[in-house]
Amino acid sequence: MPLLKKIINSIAAQRELDQQAELMQKLMRHEAKIGGELFGPVAGNRKREFFCLDKHSWVWHEQWTDEQGKKHVVNTRYEVRPDAILKSQNGGQYQKVSAAEIHRLAQAADVYYDRIQKEVYNFV
């Protein structure tokens, strides 16, 4: 009987972890959608996301299909470091971000946090 109880407890614990992971994924997808709307409406043939991955990383993702039916994808990852902000596009080399881009990123981050607090986490 103790073995059966261990198995049941293990299954229950794994189920709880799976549910937490699923909830975190749903919250992140919702945050990314809100972030993608910060810069105006998203056209029907486009997908745009902007979100905070962790305390040092921001992601801008955009994909669309052009008039010829060709799919385009741009992934920009921003890494916030103590001495600079670096960005990489589509897995390329990281480069320093200009002061103007840092300013725009900071403004977007402020609006992002305000919106997700109001639209996602206001019930907490």
N, C-alpha and C. Protein backbone atom coordinates (compact mmCIF):
# COMPACT_ATOMS: atom_id res chain seq x y z
N MET A 1 0.81 -1.21 0.00
CA MET A 1 0.00 0.00 0.00
C MET A 1 0.85 1.28 0.00
N PRO A 2 1.96 1.35 0.77
CA PRO A 2 2.77 2.56 0.74
C PRO A 2 3.30 2.89 -0.66
N LEU A 3 3.62 1.88 -1.46
CA LEU A 3 4.10 2.12 -2.82
C LEU A 3 3.01 2.76 -3.66
N LEU A 4 1.78 2.25 -3.54
CA LEU A 4 0.66 2.82 -4.28
C LEU A 4 0.43 4.28 -3.88
N LYS A 5 0.53 4.56 -2.59
CA LYS A 5 0.36 5.94 -2.13
C LYS A 5 1.45 6.85 -2.70
N LYS A 6 2.69 6.35 -2.77
CA LYS A 6 3.79 7.13 -3.35
C LYS A 6 3.52 7.42 -4.82
N ILE A 7 3.04 6.43 -5.53
CA ILE A 7 2.75 6.60 -6.96
C ILE A 7 1.64 7.64 -7.15
N ILE A 8 0.59 7.53 -6.37
CA ILE A 8 -0.53 8.47 -6.46
C ILE A 8 -0.07 9.88 -6.12
N ASN A 9 0.73 10.03 -5.07
CA ASN A 9 1.24 11.35 -4.68
C ASN A 9 2.15 11.92 -5.77
N SER A 10 2.95 11.07 -6.37
CA SER A 10 3.84 11.50 -7.44
C SER A 10 3.05 11.98 -8.65
N ILE A 11 2.02 11.25 -9.01
CA ILE A 11 1.16 11.64 -10.13
C ILE A 11 0.46 12.96 -9.83
N ALA A 12 -0.05 13.10 -8.62
CA ALA A 12 -0.74 14.34 -8.22
C ALA A 12 0.22 15.52 -8.25
N ALA A 13 1.44 15.32 -7.77
CA ALA A 13 2.43 16.39 -7.77
C ALA A 13 2.80 16.79 -9.19
N GLN A 14 2.96 15.81 -10.08
CA GLN A 14 3.29 16.11 -11.47
C GLN A 14 2.15 16.84 -12.14
N ARG A 15 0.93 16.43 -11.85
CA ARG A 15 -0.24 17.11 -12.42
C ARG A 15 -0.28 18.57 -11.98
N GLU A 16 0.03 18.81 -10.70
CA GLU A 16 0.07 20.19 -10.19
C GLU A 16 1.14 21.00 -10.91
N LEU A 17 2.32 20.44 -11.11
CA LEU A 17 3.38 21.13 -11.85
C LEU A 17 2.97 21.41 -13.28
N ASP A 18 2.34 20.45 -13.93
CA ASP A 18 1.87 20.63 -15.30
C ASP A 18 0.85 21.75 -15.39
N GLN A 19 -0.06 21.82 -14.42
CA GLN A 19 -1.08 22.87 -14.42
C GLN A 19 -0.45 24.24 -14.19
N GLN A 20 0.54 24.31 -13.32
CA GLN A 20 1.23 25.57 -13.09
C GLN A 20 1.98 26.02 -14.34
N ALA A 21 2.65 25.09 -15.00
CA ALA A 21 3.38 25.41 -16.22
C ALA A 21 2.42 25.89 -17.31
N GLU A 22 1.28 25.23 -17.44
CA GLU A 22 0.29 25.63 -18.44
C GLU A 22 -0.25 27.03 -18.14
N LEU A 23 -0.51 27.31 -16.88
CA LEU A 23 -0.98 28.64 -16.49
C LEU A 23 0.07 29.69 -16.81
N MET A 24 1.33 29.42 -16.51
CA MET A 24 2.40 30.38 -16.81
C MET A 24 2.50 30.62 -18.32
N GLN A 25 2.37 29.58 -19.12
CA GLN A 25 2.41 29.74 -20.57
C GLN A 25 1.24 30.60 -21.06
N LYS A 26 0.06 30.36 -20.52
CA LYS A 26 -1.11 31.15 -20.92
C LYS A 26 -0.94 32.61 -20.54
N LEU A 27 -0.43 32.86 -19.34
CA LEU A 27 -0.20 34.24 -18.91
C LEU A 27 0.83 34.92 -19.80
N MET A 28 1.91 34.22 -20.13
CA MET A 28 2.94 34.81 -20.99
C MET A 28 2.40 35.09 -22.38
N ARG A 29 1.59 34.19 -22.93
CA ARG A 29 1.00 34.43 -24.26
C ARG A 29 0.08 35.65 -24.22
N HIS A 30 -0.69 35.78 -23.13
CA HIS A 30 -1.59 36.93 -23.00
C HIS A 30 -0.79 38.23 -22.87
N GLU A 31 0.27 38.21 -22.06
CA GLU A 31 1.13 39.37 -21.93
C GLU A 31 1.75 39.74 -23.28
N ALA A 32 2.21 38.73 -24.03
CA ALA A 32 2.85 38.97 -25.33
C ALA A 32 1.87 39.60 -26.31
N LYS A 33 0.62 39.16 -26.27
CA LYS A 33 -0.40 39.73 -27.15
C LYS A 33 -0.65 41.20 -26.80
N ILE A 34 -0.79 41.48 -25.51
CA ILE A 34 -0.98 42.86 -25.08
C ILE A 34 0.22 43.70 -25.50
N GLY A 35 1.42 43.19 -25.28
CA GLY A 35 2.63 43.90 -25.67
C GLY A 35 2.68 44.18 -27.16
N GLY A 36 2.20 43.26 -27.96
CA GLY A 36 2.19 43.44 -29.41
C GLY A 36 1.26 44.54 -29.87
N GLU A 37 0.28 44.89 -29.04
CA GLU A 37 -0.68 45.94 -29.39
C GLU A 37 -0.20 47.33 -28.99
N LEU A 38 0.92 47.42 -28.29
CA LEU A 38 1.41 48.72 -27.80
C LEU A 38 1.73 49.69 -28.91
N PHE A 39 2.06 49.17 -30.08
CA PHE A 39 2.53 50.02 -31.16
C PHE A 39 1.48 50.17 -32.25
N GLY A 40 0.23 49.98 -31.88
CA GLY A 40 -0.86 50.15 -32.83
C GLY A 40 -1.53 48.83 -33.15
N PRO A 41 -2.60 48.92 -33.94
CA PRO A 41 -3.35 47.71 -34.30
C PRO A 41 -2.48 46.73 -35.10
N VAL A 42 -2.78 45.46 -34.93
CA VAL A 42 -2.06 44.41 -35.65
C VAL A 42 -2.95 43.96 -36.80
N ALA A 43 -2.44 44.10 -38.03
CA ALA A 43 -3.21 43.71 -39.22
C ALA A 43 -3.49 42.21 -39.20
N GLY A 44 -4.52 41.83 -39.92
CA GLY A 44 -4.96 40.44 -39.94
C GLY A 44 -3.92 39.44 -40.40
N ASN A 45 -3.02 39.85 -41.29
CA ASN A 45 -2.02 38.91 -41.79
C ASN A 45 -0.72 38.98 -40.98
N ARG A 46 -0.76 39.64 -39.84
CA ARG A 46 0.43 39.80 -38.99
C ARG A 46 0.22 39.22 -37.61
N LYS A 47 1.32 38.82 -37.02
CA LYS A 47 1.34 38.43 -35.61
C LYS A 47 2.46 39.23 -34.99
N ARG A 48 2.17 39.92 -33.92
CA ARG A 48 3.17 40.75 -33.25
C ARG A 48 3.09 40.48 -31.76
N GLU A 49 4.25 40.28 -31.14
CA GLU A 49 4.32 40.06 -29.70
C GLU A 49 5.48 40.84 -29.12
N PHE A 50 5.30 41.32 -27.91
CA PHE A 50 6.35 42.01 -27.18
C PHE A 50 6.16 41.63 -25.73
N PHE A 51 7.21 41.10 -25.10
CA PHE A 51 7.05 40.65 -23.72
C PHE A 51 8.38 40.58 -22.99
N CYS A 52 8.26 40.54 -21.68
CA CYS A 52 9.40 40.40 -20.79
C CYS A 52 9.58 38.92 -20.52
N LEU A 53 10.70 38.37 -20.95
CA LEU A 53 10.97 36.95 -20.77
C LEU A 53 11.44 36.66 -19.35
N ASP A 54 12.33 37.48 -18.86
CA ASP A 54 12.80 37.40 -17.48
C ASP A 54 13.32 38.79 -17.09
N LYS A 55 13.91 38.94 -15.93
CA LYS A 55 14.25 40.29 -15.48
C LYS A 55 15.34 40.97 -16.31
N HIS A 56 15.99 40.25 -17.21
CA HIS A 56 17.03 40.84 -18.05
C HIS A 56 16.73 40.73 -19.55
N SER A 57 15.61 40.14 -19.93
CA SER A 57 15.39 39.86 -21.35
C SER A 57 14.00 40.29 -21.81
N TRP A 58 13.98 40.99 -22.95
CA TRP A 58 12.74 41.39 -23.61
C TRP A 58 12.75 40.81 -25.01
N VAL A 59 11.56 40.46 -25.50
CA VAL A 59 11.46 39.86 -26.83
C VAL A 59 10.42 40.61 -27.65
N TRP A 60 10.79 40.92 -28.89
CA TRP A 60 9.88 41.48 -29.89
C TRP A 60 9.81 40.44 -31.00
N HIS A 61 8.61 39.94 -31.29
CA HIS A 61 8.42 38.94 -32.34
C HIS A 61 7.38 39.47 -33.31
N GLU A 62 7.70 39.41 -34.58
CA GLU A 62 6.72 39.82 -35.58
C GLU A 62 6.82 38.88 -36.77
N GLN A 63 5.66 38.47 -37.26
CA GLN A 63 5.64 37.65 -38.48
C GLN A 63 4.47 38.07 -39.34
N TRP A 64 4.68 37.96 -40.65
CA TRP A 64 3.65 38.35 -41.60
C TRP A 64 3.90 37.63 -42.91
N THR A 65 2.88 37.66 -43.72
CA THR A 65 2.97 37.12 -45.08
C THR A 65 2.82 38.28 -46.05
N ASP A 66 3.77 38.39 -46.99
CA ASP A 66 3.72 39.50 -47.93
C ASP A 66 2.75 39.20 -49.09
N GLU A 67 2.67 40.15 -50.02
CA GLU A 67 1.72 40.04 -51.14
C GLU A 67 1.99 38.83 -52.03
N GLN A 68 3.23 38.37 -52.05
CA GLN A 68 3.58 37.20 -52.87
C GLN A 68 3.40 35.89 -52.11
N GLY A 69 2.91 35.97 -50.87
CA GLY A 69 2.68 34.76 -50.08
C GLY A 69 3.90 34.28 -49.31
N LYS A 70 4.98 35.07 -49.30
CA LYS A 70 6.19 34.70 -48.59
C LYS A 70 6.06 35.08 -47.12
N LYS A 71 6.40 34.13 -46.25
CA LYS A 71 6.32 34.37 -44.81
C LYS A 71 7.62 35.03 -44.32
N HIS A 72 7.46 36.06 -43.48
CA HIS A 72 8.59 36.77 -42.89
C HIS A 72 8.49 36.68 -41.37
N VAL A 73 9.63 36.50 -40.73
CA VAL A 73 9.68 36.43 -39.27
C VAL A 73 10.87 37.25 -38.79
N VAL A 74 10.62 38.12 -37.82
CA VAL A 74 11.69 38.88 -37.19
C VAL A 74 11.57 38.69 -35.68
N ASN A 75 12.62 38.16 -35.09
CA ASN A 75 12.71 38.00 -33.64
C ASN A 75 13.83 38.90 -33.14
N THR A 76 13.49 39.81 -32.25
CA THR A 76 14.48 40.70 -31.66
C THR A 76 14.50 40.44 -30.17
N ARG A 77 15.68 40.15 -29.67
CA ARG A 77 15.84 39.90 -28.24
C ARG A 77 16.73 40.99 -27.66
N TYR A 78 16.23 41.62 -26.61
CA TYR A 78 16.98 42.66 -25.91
C TYR A 78 17.49 42.08 -24.60
N GLU A 79 18.78 42.25 -24.34
CA GLU A 79 19.39 41.83 -23.09
C GLU A 79 19.80 43.07 -22.31
N VAL A 80 19.22 43.23 -21.13
CA VAL A 80 19.50 44.40 -20.30
C VAL A 80 20.67 44.05 -19.38
N ARG A 81 21.74 44.79 -19.54
CA ARG A 81 22.94 44.58 -18.72
C ARG A 81 23.20 45.84 -17.92
N PRO A 82 24.02 45.75 -16.88
CA PRO A 82 24.27 46.94 -16.05
C PRO A 82 24.86 48.11 -16.83
N ASP A 83 25.66 47.83 -17.85
CA ASP A 83 26.35 48.90 -18.56
C ASP A 83 25.78 49.19 -19.94
N ALA A 84 24.83 48.39 -20.42
CA ALA A 84 24.29 48.61 -21.77
C ALA A 84 23.08 47.71 -22.00
N ILE A 85 22.38 48.01 -23.07
CA ILE A 85 21.33 47.12 -23.55
C ILE A 85 21.80 46.62 -24.91
N LEU A 86 21.75 45.31 -25.07
CA LEU A 86 22.19 44.68 -26.31
C LEU A 86 20.98 44.08 -27.00
N LYS A 87 21.06 43.97 -28.33
CA LYS A 87 19.97 43.32 -29.04
C LYS A 87 20.53 42.39 -30.10
N SER A 88 19.75 41.36 -30.35
CA SER A 88 20.07 40.39 -31.39
C SER A 88 18.82 40.17 -32.21
N GLN A 89 18.97 40.15 -33.54
CA GLN A 89 17.82 39.89 -34.40
C GLN A 89 18.02 38.56 -35.10
N ASN A 90 16.98 37.74 -35.02
CA ASN A 90 16.95 36.42 -35.66
C ASN A 90 18.19 35.60 -35.33
N GLY A 91 18.62 35.65 -34.06
CA GLY A 91 19.73 34.84 -33.62
C GLY A 91 21.10 35.36 -33.99
N GLY A 92 21.17 36.57 -34.54
CA GLY A 92 22.45 37.15 -34.94
C GLY A 92 23.25 37.62 -33.74
N GLN A 93 24.38 38.22 -34.03
CA GLN A 93 25.27 38.73 -33.01
C GLN A 93 24.60 39.86 -32.23
N TYR A 94 24.90 39.93 -30.93
CA TYR A 94 24.38 41.02 -30.11
C TYR A 94 25.15 42.30 -30.40
N GLN A 95 24.39 43.41 -30.46
CA GLN A 95 24.99 44.72 -30.68
C GLN A 95 24.39 45.70 -29.68
N LYS A 96 25.16 46.72 -29.34
CA LYS A 96 24.67 47.75 -28.43
C LYS A 96 23.51 48.51 -29.07
N VAL A 97 22.58 48.89 -28.23
CA VAL A 97 21.40 49.64 -28.67
C VAL A 97 21.69 51.13 -28.51
N SER A 98 21.22 51.93 -29.45
CA SER A 98 21.42 53.38 -29.39
C SER A 98 20.63 53.98 -28.24
N ALA A 99 21.00 55.18 -27.86
CA ALA A 99 20.29 55.89 -26.78
C ALA A 99 18.82 56.10 -27.14
N ALA A 100 18.55 56.42 -28.40
CA ALA A 100 17.16 56.62 -28.83
C ALA A 100 16.35 55.33 -28.71
N GLU A 101 16.95 54.22 -29.09
CA GLU A 101 16.23 52.95 -28.99
C GLU A 101 16.04 52.54 -27.53
N ILE A 102 17.03 52.82 -26.69
CA ILE A 102 16.88 52.55 -25.25
C ILE A 102 15.69 53.33 -24.70
N HIS A 103 15.59 54.59 -25.12
CA HIS A 103 14.48 55.44 -24.67
C HIS A 103 13.14 54.85 -25.11
N ARG A 104 13.04 54.43 -26.37
CA ARG A 104 11.78 53.84 -26.87
C ARG A 104 11.48 52.52 -26.16
N LEU A 105 12.50 51.71 -25.91
CA LEU A 105 12.31 50.44 -25.20
C LEU A 105 11.82 50.70 -23.78
N ALA A 106 12.40 51.68 -23.11
CA ALA A 106 11.98 52.02 -21.74
C ALA A 106 10.53 52.49 -21.72
N GLN A 107 10.15 53.32 -22.68
CA GLN A 107 8.76 53.77 -22.77
C GLN A 107 7.82 52.59 -23.00
N ALA A 108 8.20 51.71 -23.92
CA ALA A 108 7.37 50.53 -24.21
C ALA A 108 7.25 49.64 -22.98
N ALA A 109 8.34 49.47 -22.25
CA ALA A 109 8.32 48.63 -21.04
C ALA A 109 7.38 49.22 -20.00
N ASP A 110 7.40 50.54 -19.83
CA ASP A 110 6.51 51.19 -18.87
C ASP A 110 5.05 50.98 -19.24
N VAL A 111 4.72 51.20 -20.50
CA VAL A 111 3.34 51.02 -20.95
C VAL A 111 2.94 49.54 -20.83
N TYR A 112 3.84 48.64 -21.19
CA TYR A 112 3.61 47.19 -21.08
C TYR A 112 3.25 46.83 -19.64
N TYR A 113 4.09 47.26 -18.69
CA TYR A 113 3.81 46.93 -17.28
C TYR A 113 2.49 47.50 -16.82
N ASP A 114 2.18 48.73 -17.19
CA ASP A 114 0.90 49.32 -16.82
C ASP A 114 -0.27 48.50 -17.36
N ARG A 115 -0.18 48.14 -18.64
CA ARG A 115 -1.29 47.40 -19.26
C ARG A 115 -1.44 46.00 -18.69
N ILE A 116 -0.35 45.29 -18.50
CA ILE A 116 -0.52 43.92 -17.98
C ILE A 116 -0.99 43.93 -16.53
N GLN A 117 -0.59 44.96 -15.77
CA GLN A 117 -1.10 45.06 -14.40
C GLN A 117 -2.60 45.27 -14.40
N LYS A 118 -3.09 46.13 -15.30
CA LYS A 118 -4.52 46.43 -15.35
C LYS A 118 -5.32 45.30 -15.98
N GLU A 119 -4.78 44.70 -17.05
CA GLU A 119 -5.55 43.75 -17.85
C GLU A 119 -5.34 42.28 -17.49
N VAL A 120 -4.26 41.98 -16.78
CA VAL A 120 -3.98 40.58 -16.47
C VAL A 120 -3.96 40.32 -14.97
N TYR A 121 -3.25 41.17 -14.23
CA TYR A 121 -3.01 40.88 -12.83
C TYR A 121 -3.77 41.77 -11.85
N ASN A 122 -4.76 42.50 -12.33
CA ASN A 122 -5.49 43.41 -11.45
C ASN A 122 -6.31 42.70 -10.38
N PHE A 123 -6.54 41.42 -10.54
CA PHE A 123 -7.34 40.68 -9.57
C PHE A 123 -6.52 40.16 -8.41
N VAL A 124 -5.19 40.26 -8.49
CA VAL A 124 -4.31 39.70 -7.45
C VAL A 124 -4.20 40.69 -6.31
